[in-house]
Structure formats: structure tokens, C-alpha cells
Amino acid sequence: MPQYLVAIHHPDDYDPSVEGEAMQRDISALNKEMVAAGVRVFVGSLSPARTARSLRAQPGGKVLITDGPYLETKEHIGGFWVLQAADLDEALAWGRKAAVACRAPVEVRPFL
């Protein structure tokens, strides 16, 4: 069965303290629904993009490590699910529920 990434996007200046109890309950309920349906493979939330370290290969086998995300963007992935779904339509149905629960834009993408 194919696997899909369901990624939650947050603005760069996202403040997790705005996530009220209702939103946390909605996300928890969605996680329980995913587990009960047998589609959830993995779930994770990420620290803000500013805490990232980027690594770039350099000549001679060296690696340059810099503070911050690799890409300069206005949004970043704040959390994600890896789901096992029958097809893209099923994954999109879960993505719709994630967008509502998280009150944020969601991207659904199949794994190769």
C-alpha cells in the first residue's frame, strides 16, 4: 500500500503558544482516528526552522554546516504524518481533516 506525507505548513514566525486546547484536542482526536483506521505510520512535530542546521558538501569531501534552514522561505514544515493509504484520494481525505484540525495549510505528497 502506498505511503504519503501529510505536512503541516507554518509561517516562519509561528508561535506554538497560539495552539489552544481546542486545537490540541482536534489534533489528538485526528491521531486517534488515524490509528483506529490503521493508516498512521509515523507522526512528528518539528522545532522552528530557525533551529535547523544546514549541511552542504564542499570540494575535497568537506561539509559546511551553517545555522538556519537550507531554504529561505516564508513558511516551513511544522509537523507531519506518514500515512499508508489505498490511494491519493484517501490520503487527500486525511489531509483535509489535518488542515481543519491544525488550522494550517497542508501538503499531501506520495513517497516514491
PDB file of N, CA and C in Angstrom:
ATOM      1  N   MET A   1       0.853  -1.182   0.000  1.00  0.00           N
ATOM      2  CA  MET A   1       0.000   0.000   0.000  1.00  0.00           C
ATOM      3  C   MET A   1       0.895   1.241   0.000  1.00  0.00           C
ATOM      4  N   PRO A   2       0.584   2.230  -0.838  1.00  0.00           N
ATOM      5  CA  PRO A   2       1.431   3.427  -0.927  1.00  0.00           C
ATOM      6  C   PRO A   2       1.428   4.249   0.362  1.00  0.00           C
ATOM      7  N   GLN A   3       2.522   4.971   0.551  1.00  0.00           N
ATOM      8  CA  GLN A   3       2.645   5.862   1.704  1.00  0.00           C
ATOM      9  C   GLN A   3       2.655   7.306   1.230  1.00  0.00           C
ATOM     10  N   TYR A   4       2.136   8.186   2.083  1.00  0.00           N
ATOM     11  CA  TYR A   4       2.005   9.607   1.757  1.00  0.00           C
ATOM     12  C   TYR A   4       2.502  10.449   2.923  1.00  0.00           C
ATOM     13  N   LEU A   5       3.126  11.554   2.589  1.00  0.00           N
ATOM     14  CA  LEU A   5       3.498  12.560   3.568  1.00  0.00           C
ATOM     15  C   LEU A   5       2.360  13.567   3.638  1.00  0.00           C
ATOM     16  N   VAL A   6       1.886  13.841   4.831  1.00  0.00           N
ATOM     17  CA  VAL A   6       0.898  14.891   5.070  1.00  0.00           C
ATOM     18  C   VAL A   6       1.621  15.919   5.939  1.00  0.00           C
ATOM     19  N   ALA A   7       2.044  17.022   5.330  1.00  0.00           N
ATOM     20  CA  ALA A   7       2.883  18.010   6.000  1.00  0.00           C
ATOM     21  C   ALA A   7       2.080  19.257   6.344  1.00  0.00           C
ATOM     22  N   ILE A   8       2.260  19.730   7.562  1.00  0.00           N
ATOM     23  CA  ILE A   8       1.604  20.946   8.048  1.00  0.00           C
ATOM     24  C   ILE A   8       2.581  22.110   7.860  1.00  0.00           C
ATOM     25  N   HIS A   9       2.126  23.189   7.229  1.00  0.00           N
ATOM     26  CA  HIS A   9       2.980  24.349   6.990  1.00  0.00           C
ATOM     27  C   HIS A   9       2.642  25.474   7.966  1.00  0.00           C
ATOM     28  N   HIS A  10       3.689  26.055   8.520  1.00  0.00           N
ATOM     29  CA  HIS A  10       3.546  27.192   9.433  1.00  0.00           C
ATOM     30  C   HIS A  10       4.324  28.372   8.881  1.00  0.00           C
ATOM     31  N   PRO A  11       3.870  29.598   9.169  1.00  0.00           N
ATOM     32  CA  PRO A  11       4.666  30.759   8.783  1.00  0.00           C
ATOM     33  C   PRO A  11       5.973  30.770   9.581  1.00  0.00           C
ATOM     34  N   ASP A  12       6.981  31.421   9.056  1.00  0.00           N
ATOM     35  CA  ASP A  12       8.291  31.451   9.708  1.00  0.00           C
ATOM     36  C   ASP A  12       8.227  31.953  11.148  1.00  0.00           C
ATOM     37  N   ASP A  13       7.329  32.879  11.421  1.00  0.00           N
ATOM     38  CA  ASP A  13       7.251  33.447  12.772  1.00  0.00           C
ATOM     39  C   ASP A  13       6.190  32.742  13.627  1.00  0.00           C
ATOM     40  N   TYR A  14       5.872  31.489  13.303  1.00  0.00           N
ATOM     41  CA  TYR A  14       4.809  30.758  14.001  1.00  0.00           C
ATOM     42  C   TYR A  14       5.120  30.634  15.480  1.00  0.00           C
ATOM     43  N   ASP A  15       4.124  30.895  16.294  1.00  0.00           N
ATOM     44  CA  ASP A  15       4.242  30.800  17.743  1.00  0.00           C
ATOM     45  C   ASP A  15       3.361  29.659  18.229  1.00  0.00           C
ATOM     46  N   PRO A  16       3.949  28.533  18.660  1.00  0.00           N
ATOM     47  CA  PRO A  16       3.157  27.383  19.089  1.00  0.00           C
ATOM     48  C   PRO A  16       2.227  27.678  20.267  1.00  0.00           C
ATOM     49  N   SER A  17       2.472  28.768  20.980  1.00  0.00           N
ATOM     50  CA  SER A  17       1.610  29.083  22.123  1.00  0.00           C
ATOM     51  C   SER A  17       0.201  29.478  21.676  1.00  0.00           C
ATOM     52  N   VAL A  18       0.012  29.760  20.376  1.00  0.00           N
ATOM     53  CA  VAL A  18      -1.329  30.091  19.883  1.00  0.00           C
ATOM     54  C   VAL A  18      -2.199  28.834  19.709  1.00  0.00           C
ATOM     55  N   GLU A  19      -1.591  27.672  19.857  1.00  0.00           N
ATOM     56  CA  GLU A  19      -2.335  26.429  19.723  1.00  0.00           C
ATOM     57  C   GLU A  19      -3.122  26.198  21.015  1.00  0.00           C
ATOM     58  N   GLY A  20      -4.374  26.557  20.986  1.00  0.00           N
ATOM     59  CA  GLY A  20      -5.209  26.429  22.170  1.00  0.00           C
ATOM     60  C   GLY A  20      -5.602  24.984  22.449  1.00  0.00           C
ATOM     61  N   GLU A  21      -6.320  24.827  23.548  1.00  0.00           N
ATOM     62  CA  GLU A  21      -6.757  23.491  23.953  1.00  0.00           C
ATOM     63  C   GLU A  21      -7.655  22.844  22.906  1.00  0.00           C
ATOM     64  N   ALA A  22      -8.507  23.627  22.262  1.00  0.00           N
ATOM     65  CA  ALA A  22      -9.415  23.068  21.260  1.00  0.00           C
ATOM     66  C   ALA A  22      -8.623  22.492  20.083  1.00  0.00           C
ATOM     67  N   MET A  23      -7.604  23.210  19.646  1.00  0.00           N
ATOM     68  CA  MET A  23      -6.788  22.716  18.542  1.00  0.00           C
ATOM     69  C   MET A  23      -6.040  21.453  18.953  1.00  0.00           C
ATOM     70  N   GLN A  24      -5.492  21.427  20.134  1.00  0.00           N
ATOM     71  CA  GLN A  24      -4.780  20.240  20.611  1.00  0.00           C
ATOM     72  C   GLN A  24      -5.720  19.045  20.721  1.00  0.00           C
ATOM     73  N   ARG A  25      -6.955  19.277  21.170  1.00  0.00           N
ATOM     74  CA  ARG A  25      -7.952  18.193  21.224  1.00  0.00           C
ATOM     75  C   ARG A  25      -8.273  17.682  19.826  1.00  0.00           C
ATOM     76  N   ASP A  26      -8.419  18.602  18.863  1.00  0.00           N
ATOM     77  CA  ASP A  26      -8.736  18.207  17.490  1.00  0.00           C
ATOM     78  C   ASP A  26      -7.610  17.374  16.879  1.00  0.00           C
ATOM     79  N   ILE A  27      -6.374  17.775  17.116  1.00  0.00           N
ATOM     80  CA  ILE A  27      -5.229  17.026  16.584  1.00  0.00           C
ATOM     81  C   ILE A  27      -5.144  15.659  17.255  1.00  0.00           C
ATOM     82  N   SER A  28      -5.354  15.619  18.553  1.00  0.00           N
ATOM     83  CA  SER A  28      -5.339  14.344  19.278  1.00  0.00           C
ATOM     84  C   SER A  28      -6.435  13.412  18.762  1.00  0.00           C
ATOM     85  N   ALA A  29      -7.618  13.948  18.530  1.00  0.00           N
ATOM     86  CA  ALA A  29      -8.726  13.138  18.013  1.00  0.00           C
ATOM     87  C   ALA A  29      -8.389  12.620  16.612  1.00  0.00           C
ATOM     88  N   LEU A  30      -7.766  13.457  15.781  1.00  0.00           N
ATOM     89  CA  LEU A  30      -7.374  13.024  14.444  1.00  0.00           C
ATOM     90  C   LEU A  30      -6.340  11.908  14.529  1.00  0.00           C
ATOM     91  N   ASN A  31      -5.361  12.047  15.422  1.00  0.00           N
ATOM     92  CA  ASN A  31      -4.365  10.988  15.594  1.00  0.00           C
ATOM     93  C   ASN A  31      -5.022   9.670  16.004  1.00  0.00           C
ATOM     94  N   LYS A  32      -5.965   9.731  16.930  1.00  0.00           N
ATOM     95  CA  LYS A  32      -6.668   8.515  17.355  1.00  0.00           C
ATOM     96  C   LYS A  32      -7.460   7.908  16.202  1.00  0.00           C
ATOM     97  N   GLU A  33      -8.086   8.762  15.385  1.00  0.00           N
ATOM     98  CA  GLU A  33      -8.846   8.280  14.236  1.00  0.00           C
ATOM     99  C   GLU A  33      -7.922   7.609  13.222  1.00  0.00           C
ATOM    100  N   MET A  34      -6.752   8.199  12.991  1.00  0.00           N
ATOM    101  CA  MET A  34      -5.788   7.610  12.062  1.00  0.00           C
ATOM    102  C   MET A  34      -5.294   6.251  12.552  1.00  0.00           C
ATOM    103  N   VAL A  35      -5.009   6.155  13.843  1.00  0.00           N
ATOM    104  CA  VAL A  35      -4.562   4.879  14.419  1.00  0.00           C
ATOM    105  C   VAL A  35      -5.672   3.841  14.289  1.00  0.00           C
ATOM    106  N   ALA A  36      -6.897   4.224  14.635  1.00  0.00           N
ATOM    107  CA  ALA A  36      -8.030   3.284  14.563  1.00  0.00           C
ATOM    108  C   ALA A  36      -8.263   2.798  13.133  1.00  0.00           C
ATOM    109  N   ALA A  37      -8.016   3.676  12.157  1.00  0.00           N
ATOM    110  CA  ALA A  37      -8.198   3.305  10.750  1.00  0.00           C
ATOM    111  C   ALA A  37      -7.009   2.509  10.208  1.00  0.00           C
ATOM    112  N   GLY A  38      -5.935   2.447  10.981  1.00  0.00           N
ATOM    113  CA  GLY A  38      -4.753   1.699  10.552  1.00  0.00           C
ATOM    114  C   GLY A  38      -3.937   2.375   9.477  1.00  0.00           C
ATOM    115  N   VAL A  39      -4.040   3.709   9.344  1.00  0.00           N
ATOM    116  CA  VAL A  39      -3.308   4.418   8.289  1.00  0.00           C
ATOM    117  C   VAL A  39      -2.050   5.117   8.795  1.00  0.00           C
ATOM    118  N   ARG A  40      -1.977   5.410  10.077  1.00  0.00           N
ATOM    119  CA  ARG A  40      -0.849   6.185  10.582  1.00  0.00           C
ATOM    120  C   ARG A  40       0.386   5.310  10.752  1.00  0.00           C
ATOM    121  N   VAL A  41       1.463   5.691  10.064  1.00  0.00           N
ATOM    122  CA  VAL A  41       2.740   5.004  10.176  1.00  0.00           C
ATOM    123  C   VAL A  41       3.621   5.732  11.185  1.00  0.00           C
ATOM    124  N   PHE A  42       3.653   7.071  11.078  1.00  0.00           N
ATOM    125  CA  PHE A  42       4.513   7.886  11.932  1.00  0.00           C
ATOM    126  C   PHE A  42       3.962   9.291  11.982  1.00  0.00           C
ATOM    127  N   VAL A  43       4.160   9.961  13.100  1.00  0.00           N
ATOM    128  CA  VAL A  43       3.776  11.365  13.233  1.00  0.00           C
ATOM    129  C   VAL A  43       4.881  12.088  13.986  1.00  0.00           C
ATOM    130  N   GLY A  44       5.128  13.342  13.622  1.00  0.00           N
ATOM    131  CA  GLY A  44       6.142  14.116  14.324  1.00  0.00           C
ATOM    132  C   GLY A  44       5.910  15.600  14.160  1.00  0.00           C
ATOM    133  N   SER A  45       6.302  16.344  15.174  1.00  0.00           N
ATOM    134  CA  SER A  45       6.287  17.796  15.051  1.00  0.00           C
ATOM    135  C   SER A  45       7.729  18.266  15.106  1.00  0.00           C
ATOM    136  N   LEU A  46       7.994  19.373  14.449  1.00  0.00           N
ATOM    137  CA  LEU A  46       9.359  19.864  14.307  1.00  0.00           C
ATOM    138  C   LEU A  46       9.558  21.169  15.057  1.00  0.00           C
ATOM    139  N   SER A  47      10.782  21.387  15.503  1.00  0.00           N
ATOM    140  CA  SER A  47      11.159  22.665  16.105  1.00  0.00           C
ATOM    141  C   SER A  47      11.109  23.736  15.028  1.00  0.00           C
ATOM    142  N   PRO A  48      11.056  25.005  15.417  1.00  0.00           N
ATOM    143  CA  PRO A  48      11.035  26.080  14.420  1.00  0.00           C
ATOM    144  C   PRO A  48      12.225  25.980  13.459  1.00  0.00           C
ATOM    145  N   ALA A  49      12.033  26.444  12.236  1.00  0.00           N
ATOM    146  CA  ALA A  49      13.071  26.365  11.203  1.00  0.00           C
ATOM    147  C   ALA A  49      14.355  27.064  11.633  1.00  0.00           C
ATOM    148  N   ARG A  50      14.248  28.067  12.476  1.00  0.00           N
ATOM    149  CA  ARG A  50      15.453  28.789  12.892  1.00  0.00           C
ATOM    150  C   ARG A  50      16.405  27.902  13.710  1.00  0.00           C
ATOM    151  N   THR A  51      15.923  26.770  14.207  1.00  0.00           N
ATOM    152  CA  THR A  51      16.780  25.862  14.974  1.00  0.00           C
ATOM    153  C   THR A  51      17.505  24.852  14.077  1.00  0.00           C
ATOM    154  N   ALA A  52      17.234  24.890  12.781  1.00  0.00           N
ATOM    155  CA  ALA A  52      17.835  23.939  11.843  1.00  0.00           C
ATOM    156  C   ALA A  52      19.314  24.238  11.625  1.00  0.00           C
ATOM    157  N   ARG A  53      20.023  23.232  11.190  1.00  0.00           N
ATOM    158  CA  ARG A  53      21.397  23.368  10.719  1.00  0.00           C
ATOM    159  C   ARG A  53      21.422  22.801   9.308  1.00  0.00           C
ATOM    160  N   SER A  54      22.049  23.505   8.397  1.00  0.00           N
ATOM    161  CA  SER A  54      22.136  23.066   7.005  1.00  0.00           C
ATOM    162  C   SER A  54      23.541  22.575   6.710  1.00  0.00           C
ATOM    163  N   LEU A  55      23.619  21.463   6.007  1.00  0.00           N
ATOM    164  CA  LEU A  55      24.901  20.869   5.654  1.00  0.00           C
ATOM    165  C   LEU A  55      25.031  20.833   4.140  1.00  0.00           C
ATOM    166  N   ARG A  56      26.177  21.312   3.651  1.00  0.00           N
ATOM    167  CA  ARG A  56      26.418  21.353   2.212  1.00  0.00           C
ATOM    168  C   ARG A  56      27.778  20.734   1.916  1.00  0.00           C
ATOM    169  N   ALA A  57      27.794  19.802   0.963  1.00  0.00           N
ATOM    170  CA  ALA A  57      29.046  19.182   0.551  1.00  0.00           C
ATOM    171  C   ALA A  57      29.938  20.227  -0.112  1.00  0.00           C
ATOM    172  N   GLN A  58      31.221  20.159   0.189  1.00  0.00           N
ATOM    173  CA  GLN A  58      32.224  21.062  -0.360  1.00  0.00           C
ATOM    174  C   GLN A  58      33.277  20.233  -1.100  1.00  0.00           C
ATOM    175  N   PRO A  59      34.096  20.891  -1.899  1.00  0.00           N
ATOM    176  CA  PRO A  59      35.175  20.152  -2.574  1.00  0.00           C
ATOM    177  C   PRO A  59      36.085  19.459  -1.549  1.00  0.00           C
ATOM    178  N   GLY A  60      36.650  18.348  -1.963  1.00  0.00           N
ATOM    179  CA  GLY A  60      37.592  17.637  -1.101  1.00  0.00           C
ATOM    180  C   GLY A  60      36.925  16.835  -0.006  1.00  0.00           C
ATOM    181  N   GLY A  61      35.638  16.591  -0.123  1.00  0.00           N
ATOM    182  CA  GLY A  61      34.944  15.776   0.875  1.00  0.00           C
ATOM    183  C   GLY A  61      34.589  16.502   2.160  1.00  0.00           C
ATOM    184  N   LYS A  62      34.784  17.785   2.199  1.00  0.00           N
ATOM    185  CA  LYS A  62      34.427  18.571   3.391  1.00  0.00           C
ATOM    186  C   LYS A  62      32.933  18.869   3.371  1.00  0.00           C
ATOM    187  N   VAL A  63      32.402  19.182   4.543  1.00  0.00           N
ATOM    188  CA  VAL A  63      30.993  19.548   4.670  1.00  0.00           C
ATOM    189  C   VAL A  63      30.909  20.850   5.457  1.00  0.00           C
ATOM    190  N   LEU A  64      30.197  21.813   4.890  1.00  0.00           N
ATOM    191  CA  LEU A  64      29.983  23.105   5.540  1.00  0.00           C
ATOM    192  C   LEU A  64      28.664  23.038   6.300  1.00  0.00           C
ATOM    193  N   ILE A  65      28.700  23.399   7.585  1.00  0.00           N
ATOM    194  CA  ILE A  65      27.495  23.422   8.418  1.00  0.00           C
ATOM    195  C   ILE A  65      27.201  24.878   8.762  1.00  0.00           C
ATOM    196  N   THR A  66      25.961  25.311   8.468  1.00  0.00           N
ATOM    197  CA  THR A  66      25.555  26.680   8.780  1.00  0.00           C
ATOM    198  C   THR A  66      24.283  26.654   9.616  1.00  0.00           C
ATOM    199  N   ASP A  67      24.082  27.702  10.389  1.00  0.00           N
ATOM    200  CA  ASP A  67      22.865  27.833  11.190  1.00  0.00           C
ATOM    201  C   ASP A  67      21.701  28.202  10.290  1.00  0.00           C
ATOM    202  N   GLY A  68      20.537  27.648  10.595  1.00  0.00           N
ATOM    203  CA  GLY A  68      19.325  28.016   9.894  1.00  0.00           C
ATOM    204  C   GLY A  68      18.931  27.013   8.830  1.00  0.00           C
ATOM    205  N   PRO A  69      17.753  27.213   8.282  1.00  0.00           N
ATOM    206  CA  PRO A  69      17.244  26.283   7.272  1.00  0.00           C
ATOM    207  C   PRO A  69      18.004  26.407   5.958  1.00  0.00           C
ATOM    208  N   TYR A  70      17.913  25.373   5.149  1.00  0.00           N
ATOM    209  CA  TYR A  70      18.576  25.350   3.847  1.00  0.00           C
ATOM    210  C   TYR A  70      17.982  26.403   2.918  1.00  0.00           C
ATOM    211  N   LEU A  71      16.653  26.513   2.920  1.00  0.00           N
ATOM    212  CA  LEU A  71      15.972  27.456   2.044  1.00  0.00           C
ATOM    213  C   LEU A  71      15.437  28.638   2.839  1.00  0.00           C
ATOM    214  N   GLU A  72      15.538  29.805   2.271  1.00  0.00           N
ATOM    215  CA  GLU A  72      14.925  30.998   2.849  1.00  0.00           C
ATOM    216  C   GLU A  72      13.489  31.061   2.336  1.00  0.00           C
ATOM    217  N   THR A  73      12.528  30.800   3.188  1.00  0.00           N
ATOM    218  CA  THR A  73      11.126  30.804   2.782  1.00  0.00           C
ATOM    219  C   THR A  73      10.285  31.528   3.821  1.00  0.00           C
ATOM    220  N   LYS A  74       9.040  31.796   3.467  1.00  0.00           N
ATOM    221  CA  LYS A  74       8.111  32.427   4.397  1.00  0.00           C
ATOM    222  C   LYS A  74       7.376  31.400   5.239  1.00  0.00           C
ATOM    223  N   GLU A  75       7.434  30.133   4.822  1.00  0.00           N
ATOM    224  CA  GLU A  75       6.778  29.045   5.547  1.00  0.00           C
ATOM    225  C   GLU A  75       7.745  27.881   5.673  1.00  0.00           C
ATOM    226  N   HIS A  76       7.458  27.019   6.639  1.00  0.00           N
ATOM    227  CA  HIS A  76       8.246  25.808   6.799  1.00  0.00           C
ATOM    228  C   HIS A  76       7.337  24.689   7.304  1.00  0.00           C
ATOM    229  N   ILE A  77       7.824  23.476   7.242  1.00  0.00           N
ATOM    230  CA  ILE A  77       7.050  22.339   7.752  1.00  0.00           C
ATOM    231  C   ILE A  77       7.164  22.330   9.263  1.00  0.00           C
ATOM    232  N   GLY A  78       6.018  22.406   9.925  1.00  0.00           N
ATOM    233  CA  GLY A  78       5.987  22.419  11.383  1.00  0.00           C
ATOM    234  C   GLY A  78       5.729  21.041  11.970  1.00  0.00           C
ATOM    235  N   GLY A  79       5.155  20.167  11.185  1.00  0.00           N
ATOM    236  CA  GLY A  79       4.874  18.810  11.633  1.00  0.00           C
ATOM    237  C   GLY A  79       4.374  17.995  10.466  1.00  0.00           C
ATOM    238  N   PHE A  80       4.263  16.696  10.671  1.00  0.00           N
ATOM    239  CA  PHE A  80       3.860  15.839   9.562  1.00  0.00           C
ATOM    240  C   PHE A  80       3.366  14.488  10.054  1.00  0.00           C
ATOM    241  N   TRP A  81       2.654  13.831   9.171  1.00  0.00           N
ATOM    242  CA  TRP A  81       2.266  12.435   9.331  1.00  0.00           C
ATOM    243  C   TRP A  81       2.802  11.664   8.141  1.00  0.00           C
ATOM    244  N   VAL A  82       3.171  10.432   8.353  1.00  0.00           N
ATOM    245  CA  VAL A  82       3.388   9.487   7.266  1.00  0.00           C
ATOM    246  C   VAL A  82       2.219   8.517   7.348  1.00  0.00           C
ATOM    247  N   LEU A  83       1.442   8.454   6.273  1.00  0.00           N
ATOM    248  CA  LEU A  83       0.246   7.612   6.243  1.00  0.00           C
ATOM    249  C   LEU A  83       0.387   6.531   5.190  1.00  0.00           C
ATOM    250  N   GLN A  84      -0.239   5.417   5.449  1.00  0.00           N
ATOM    251  CA  GLN A  84      -0.355   4.341   4.474  1.00  0.00           C
ATOM    252  C   GLN A  84      -1.805   4.330   4.035  1.00  0.00           C
ATOM    253  N   ALA A  85      -2.040   4.709   2.783  1.00  0.00           N
ATOM    254  CA  ALA A  85      -3.402   4.850   2.273  1.00  0.00           C
ATOM    255  C   ALA A  85      -3.546   4.087   0.963  1.00  0.00           C
ATOM    256  N   ALA A  86      -4.767   3.745   0.652  1.00  0.00           N
ATOM    257  CA  ALA A  86      -5.035   2.972  -0.568  1.00  0.00           C
ATOM    258  C   ALA A  86      -4.653   3.744  -1.827  1.00  0.00           C
ATOM    259  N   ASP A  87      -4.875   5.067  -1.811  1.00  0.00           N
ATOM    260  CA  ASP A  87      -4.607   5.879  -2.990  1.00  0.00           C
ATOM    261  C   ASP A  87      -4.557   7.348  -2.603  1.00  0.00           C
ATOM    262  N   LEU A  88      -4.285   8.196  -3.577  1.00  0.00           N
ATOM    263  CA  LEU A  88      -4.167   9.630  -3.320  1.00  0.00           C
ATOM    264  C   LEU A  88      -5.472  10.214  -2.789  1.00  0.00           C
ATOM    265  N   ASP A  89      -6.600   9.740  -3.280  1.00  0.00           N
ATOM    266  CA  ASP A  89      -7.883  10.266  -2.797  1.00  0.00           C
ATOM    267  C   ASP A  89      -8.051  10.039  -1.302  1.00  0.00           C
ATOM    268  N   GLU A  90      -7.673   8.865  -0.830  1.00  0.00           N
ATOM    269  CA  GLU A  90      -7.772   8.594   0.608  1.00  0.00           C
ATOM    270  C   GLU A  90      -6.797   9.479   1.388  1.00  0.00           C
ATOM    271  N   ALA A  91      -5.587   9.636   0.865  1.00  0.00           N
ATOM    272  CA  ALA A  91      -4.603  10.495   1.528  1.00  0.00           C
ATOM    273  C   ALA A  91      -5.089  11.943   1.579  1.00  0.00           C
ATOM    274  N   LEU A  92      -5.721  12.401   0.503  1.00  0.00           N
ATOM    275  CA  LEU A  92      -6.258  13.765   0.483  1.00  0.00           C
ATOM    276  C   LEU A  92      -7.393  13.931   1.479  1.00  0.00           C
ATOM    277  N   ALA A  93      -8.194  12.898   1.678  1.00  0.00           N
ATOM    278  CA  ALA A  93      -9.268  12.964   2.675  1.00  0.00           C
ATOM    279  C   ALA A  93      -8.676  13.165   4.071  1.00  0.00           C
ATOM    280  N   TRP A  94      -7.577  12.448   4.364  1.00  0.00           N
ATOM    281  CA  TRP A  94      -6.898  12.654   5.653  1.00  0.00           C
ATOM    282  C   TRP A  94      -6.263  14.034   5.705  1.00  0.00           C
ATOM    283  N   GLY A  95      -5.720  14.505   4.584  1.00  0.00           N
ATOM    284  CA  GLY A  95      -5.138  15.840   4.530  1.00  0.00           C
ATOM    285  C   GLY A  95      -6.161  16.926   4.818  1.00  0.00           C
ATOM    286  N   ARG A  96      -7.379  16.749   4.317  1.00  0.00           N
ATOM    287  CA  ARG A  96      -8.451  17.715   4.610  1.00  0.00           C
ATOM    288  C   ARG A  96      -8.703  17.782   6.113  1.00  0.00           C
ATOM    289  N   LYS A  97      -8.769  16.614   6.742  1.00  0.00           N
ATOM    290  CA  LYS A  97      -9.001  16.573   8.194  1.00  0.00           C
ATOM    291  C   LYS A  97      -7.839  17.227   8.941  1.00  0.00           C
ATOM    292  N   ALA A  98      -6.622  17.026   8.448  1.00  0.00           N
ATOM    293  CA  ALA A  98      -5.451  17.630   9.084  1.00  0.00           C
ATOM    294  C   ALA A  98      -5.487  19.147   8.969  1.00  0.00           C
ATOM    295  N   ALA A  99      -5.885  19.665   7.806  1.00  0.00           N
ATOM    296  CA  ALA A  99      -5.958  21.118   7.614  1.00  0.00           C
ATOM    297  C   ALA A  99      -6.956  21.742   8.586  1.00  0.00           C
ATOM    298  N   VAL A 100      -8.074  21.057   8.801  1.00  0.00           N
ATOM    299  CA  VAL A 100      -9.092  21.567   9.724  1.00  0.00           C
ATOM    300  C   VAL A 100      -8.584  21.480  11.162  1.00  0.00           C
ATOM    301  N   ALA A 101      -8.035  20.332  11.549  1.00  0.00           N
ATOM    302  CA  ALA A 101      -7.578  20.145  12.933  1.00  0.00           C
ATOM    303  C   ALA A 101      -6.431  21.083  13.281  1.00  0.00           C
ATOM    304  N   CYS A 102      -5.496  21.252  12.348  1.00  0.00           N
ATOM    305  CA  CYS A 102      -4.305  22.064  12.618  1.00  0.00           C
ATOM    306  C   CYS A 102      -4.488  23.539  12.315  1.00  0.00           C
ATOM    307  N   ARG A 103      -5.608  23.850  11.624  1.00  0.00           N
ATOM    308  CA  ARG A 103      -5.874  25.240  11.270  1.00  0.00           C
ATOM    309  C   ARG A 103      -4.695  25.845  10.507  1.00  0.00           C
ATOM    310  N   ALA A 104      -4.178  25.058   9.551  1.00  0.00           N
ATOM    311  CA  ALA A 104      -2.992  25.467   8.800  1.00  0.00           C
ATOM    312  C   ALA A 104      -3.009  24.812   7.421  1.00  0.00           C
ATOM    313  N   PRO A 105      -2.258  25.372   6.478  1.00  0.00           N
ATOM    314  CA  PRO A 105      -2.152  24.730   5.167  1.00  0.00           C
ATOM    315  C   PRO A 105      -1.481  23.366   5.285  1.00  0.00           C
ATOM    316  N   VAL A 106      -1.886  22.455   4.424  1.00  0.00           N
ATOM    317  CA  VAL A 106      -1.376  21.084   4.428  1.00  0.00           C
ATOM    318  C   VAL A 106      -0.942  20.715   3.022  1.00  0.00           C
ATOM    319  N   GLU A 107       0.139  19.976   2.927  1.00  0.00           N
ATOM    320  CA  GLU A 107       0.611  19.426   1.658  1.00  0.00           C
ATOM    321  C   GLU A 107       0.569  17.911   1.760  1.00  0.00           C
ATOM    322  N   VAL A 108       0.002  17.259   0.749  1.00  0.00           N
ATOM    323  CA  VAL A 108      -0.033  15.796   0.680  1.00  0.00           C
ATOM    324  C   VAL A 108       0.835  15.384  -0.502  1.00  0.00           C
ATOM    325  N   ARG A 109       1.794  14.500  -0.233  1.00  0.00           N
ATOM    326  CA  ARG A 109       2.717  14.094  -1.306  1.00  0.00           C
ATOM    327  C   ARG A 109       3.036  12.603  -1.166  1.00  0.00           C
ATOM    328  N   PRO A 110       2.937  11.847  -2.279  1.00  0.00           N
ATOM    329  CA  PRO A 110       3.271  10.425  -2.211  1.00  0.00           C
ATOM    330  C   PRO A 110       4.779  10.200  -2.112  1.00  0.00           C
ATOM    331  N   PHE A 111       5.159   9.132  -1.409  1.00  0.00           N
ATOM    332  CA  PHE A 111       6.545   8.699  -1.407  1.00  0.00           C
ATOM    333  C   PHE A 111       6.792   7.935  -2.707  1.00  0.00           C
ATOM    334  N   LEU A 112       8.018   7.969  -3.193  1.00  0.00           N
ATOM    335  CA  LEU A 112       8.368   7.197  -4.391  1.00  0.00           C
ATOM    336  C   LEU A 112       8.464   5.727  -4.055  1.00  0.00           C
TER     337      LEU A 112
END
